[in-house]
Protein backbone atom coordinates (compact mmCIF):
# COMPACT_ATOMS: atom_id res chain seq x y z
CA MET A 1 -86.10 -86.95 -40.84
CA ALA A 2 -88.29 -87.05 -43.94
CA LEU A 3 -88.90 -90.65 -44.97
CA PRO A 4 -92.18 -91.46 -46.77
CA ASN A 5 -92.20 -95.11 -45.63
CA ILE A 6 -91.82 -94.23 -41.93
CA HIS A 7 -95.07 -93.47 -40.11
CA TRP A 8 -93.70 -92.67 -36.64
CA VAL A 9 -90.47 -91.09 -35.36
CA ASP A 10 -89.97 -90.64 -31.63
CA LEU A 11 -87.43 -90.91 -28.86
CA ASP A 12 -87.08 -94.45 -27.57
CA LYS A 13 -88.99 -94.39 -24.27
CA GLY A 14 -89.40 -98.13 -23.93
CA GLN A 15 -92.50 -98.24 -26.12
CA LEU A 16 -91.62 -101.75 -27.35
CA ASN A 17 -91.09 -103.15 -23.88
CA GLN A 18 -94.28 -102.04 -22.12
CA TYR A 19 -97.55 -102.77 -23.86
CA ASP A 20 -100.54 -105.09 -23.53
CA THR A 21 -101.59 -105.93 -27.08
CA ARG A 22 -99.73 -103.48 -29.33
CA PRO A 23 -97.25 -100.63 -28.76
CA ALA A 24 -98.79 -97.14 -28.96
CA ILE A 25 -96.88 -96.22 -32.12
CA GLU A 26 -97.60 -96.42 -35.85
CA PHE A 27 -95.61 -98.82 -38.02
CA PRO A 28 -93.12 -98.72 -39.59
CA ALA A 29 -91.43 -96.59 -36.95
CA VAL A 30 -88.03 -95.26 -36.00
CA LEU A 31 -87.27 -94.90 -32.29
CA LEU A 32 -84.18 -92.86 -31.46
CA LYS A 33 -81.86 -93.14 -28.48
CA ILE A 34 -79.06 -90.62 -27.89
CA GLU A 35 -76.19 -91.42 -25.53
CA TYR A 36 -72.94 -89.71 -24.53
CA PRO A 37 -70.61 -92.61 -23.63
CA ASN A 38 -67.48 -90.45 -23.42
CA THR A 39 -66.68 -86.79 -22.82
CA SER A 40 -63.47 -84.81 -22.53
CA LYS A 41 -62.92 -81.36 -21.06
CA LEU A 42 -62.06 -78.58 -23.50
CA SER A 43 -62.43 -75.67 -21.11
CA ARG A 44 -64.09 -74.86 -17.82
CA LYS A 45 -67.53 -74.81 -19.49
CA GLU A 46 -67.08 -76.89 -22.64
CA GLN A 47 -66.68 -80.57 -23.33
CA GLN A 48 -66.20 -82.56 -26.47
CA CYS A 49 -68.70 -85.41 -26.35
CA ALA A 50 -68.70 -88.67 -28.21
CA VAL A 51 -72.33 -89.29 -29.13
CA LEU A 52 -74.09 -92.50 -30.08
CA VAL A 53 -77.39 -92.31 -31.92
CA THR A 54 -79.32 -95.58 -32.12
CA ALA A 55 -82.14 -95.73 -34.64
CA SER A 56 -84.41 -98.71 -33.94
CA ILE A 57 -86.40 -99.43 -37.08
CA VAL A 58 -89.61 -101.22 -36.09
CA TYR A 59 -91.83 -103.19 -38.45
CA ASP A 60 -95.00 -104.98 -37.36
CA TYR A 61 -95.32 -107.61 -40.07
CA LEU A 62 -92.93 -110.47 -40.40
CA ASP A 63 -94.36 -113.62 -41.86
CA ASP A 64 -92.69 -116.54 -43.55
CA THR A 65 -89.19 -116.01 -44.89
CA ASP A 66 -88.24 -119.60 -45.66
CA SER A 67 -87.25 -120.98 -49.06
CA ILE A 68 -90.75 -122.26 -49.89
CA THR A 69 -92.54 -118.92 -49.31
CA ASP A 70 -94.14 -117.49 -52.45
CA ALA A 71 -92.44 -114.39 -53.89
CA ASP A 72 -95.13 -111.79 -53.02
CA ARG A 73 -95.37 -112.89 -49.40
CA LEU A 74 -91.59 -113.08 -49.10
CA GLN A 75 -91.20 -109.57 -50.51
CA GLN A 76 -93.70 -108.21 -47.97
CA SER A 77 -91.98 -110.04 -45.11
CA LEU A 78 -88.57 -108.68 -46.07
CA GLN A 79 -89.71 -105.09 -46.70
CA ILE A 80 -88.16 -104.00 -43.40
CA TYR A 81 -84.72 -104.35 -44.97
CA ASP A 82 -85.64 -101.91 -47.75
CA ILE A 83 -87.01 -99.48 -45.16
CA ALA A 84 -83.88 -99.90 -43.00
CA GLN A 85 -81.70 -99.12 -46.03
CA GLU A 86 -83.67 -95.90 -46.63
CA VAL A 87 -83.17 -94.87 -43.00
CA HIS A 88 -79.46 -95.68 -43.20
CA GLU A 89 -78.99 -93.70 -46.41
CA THR A 90 -80.69 -90.72 -44.73
CA LEU A 91 -78.55 -90.84 -41.56
CA GLN A 92 -75.13 -91.98 -42.83
CA GLY A 93 -72.88 -88.94 -43.32
CA GLU A 94 -75.52 -86.47 -42.08
CA ILE A 95 -74.10 -83.46 -40.25
CA ASP A 96 -75.57 -80.35 -38.68
CA ASN A 97 -72.61 -77.96 -38.41
CA THR A 98 -74.37 -75.88 -35.76
CA VAL A 99 -74.24 -78.83 -33.33
CA MET A 100 -72.14 -81.68 -34.69
CA ARG A 101 -68.39 -81.75 -35.20
CA ALA A 102 -68.38 -84.95 -37.27
CA PRO A 103 -70.87 -86.58 -39.63
CA LEU A 104 -72.93 -89.51 -38.44
CA ASP A 105 -71.04 -92.73 -39.12
CA ARG A 106 -72.63 -96.18 -38.79
CA MET A 107 -70.89 -98.31 -36.16
CA SER A 108 -73.13 -101.36 -35.96
CA VAL A 109 -76.39 -103.02 -36.91
CA ARG A 110 -78.14 -105.37 -34.50
CA ASP A 111 -81.08 -107.67 -35.07
CA PRO A 112 -82.31 -108.66 -31.59
CA ASN A 113 -84.60 -111.66 -31.16
CA ARG A 114 -88.06 -110.82 -29.86
CA ASN A 115 -90.96 -112.82 -28.44
CA ASP A 116 -93.60 -110.90 -30.39
CA GLN A 117 -94.31 -110.27 -34.07
CA LEU A 118 -92.28 -107.09 -34.24
CA LYS A 119 -89.06 -106.99 -36.23
CA VAL A 120 -86.54 -104.47 -34.93
CA LEU A 121 -83.26 -103.51 -36.58
CA GLN A 122 -81.00 -101.31 -34.46
CA TYR A 123 -78.57 -99.08 -36.37
CA THR A 124 -76.02 -97.27 -34.19
CA TYR A 125 -74.19 -94.19 -35.45
CA SER A 126 -71.42 -92.14 -33.85
CA THR A 127 -70.62 -88.43 -34.00
CA ARG A 128 -68.99 -85.75 -31.85
CA ILE A 129 -70.36 -82.51 -30.46
CA ILE A 130 -69.14 -79.63 -28.31
CA ASP A 131 -71.34 -79.08 -25.27
């Protein structure tokens, strides 16, 4: 994944849930989680697998976003949405024919509440593979 505004790409290993003062990643970051929620048997040794890929886009600066915030500060606070759009445009429709049987297709976007100053947008994509 080549994105100039992303400084860290890694598998999601719980980096945002276990830290003292700051997660050990660079921001903005994308943390990836890959899950196989459903499989079906094709042969004795092959399965078709439904795959979910969740890209958590992490931004460490979120300041005021209310209606009285000055334009420069508001633009900086909302930059995560521009970065998230870049990530989405990179992933949506992407396919590696050596592995994937269907292009990545966005299923959902979540914006979980957090108790720290990190902003996380979770984009979930689906695809299929033969394994």
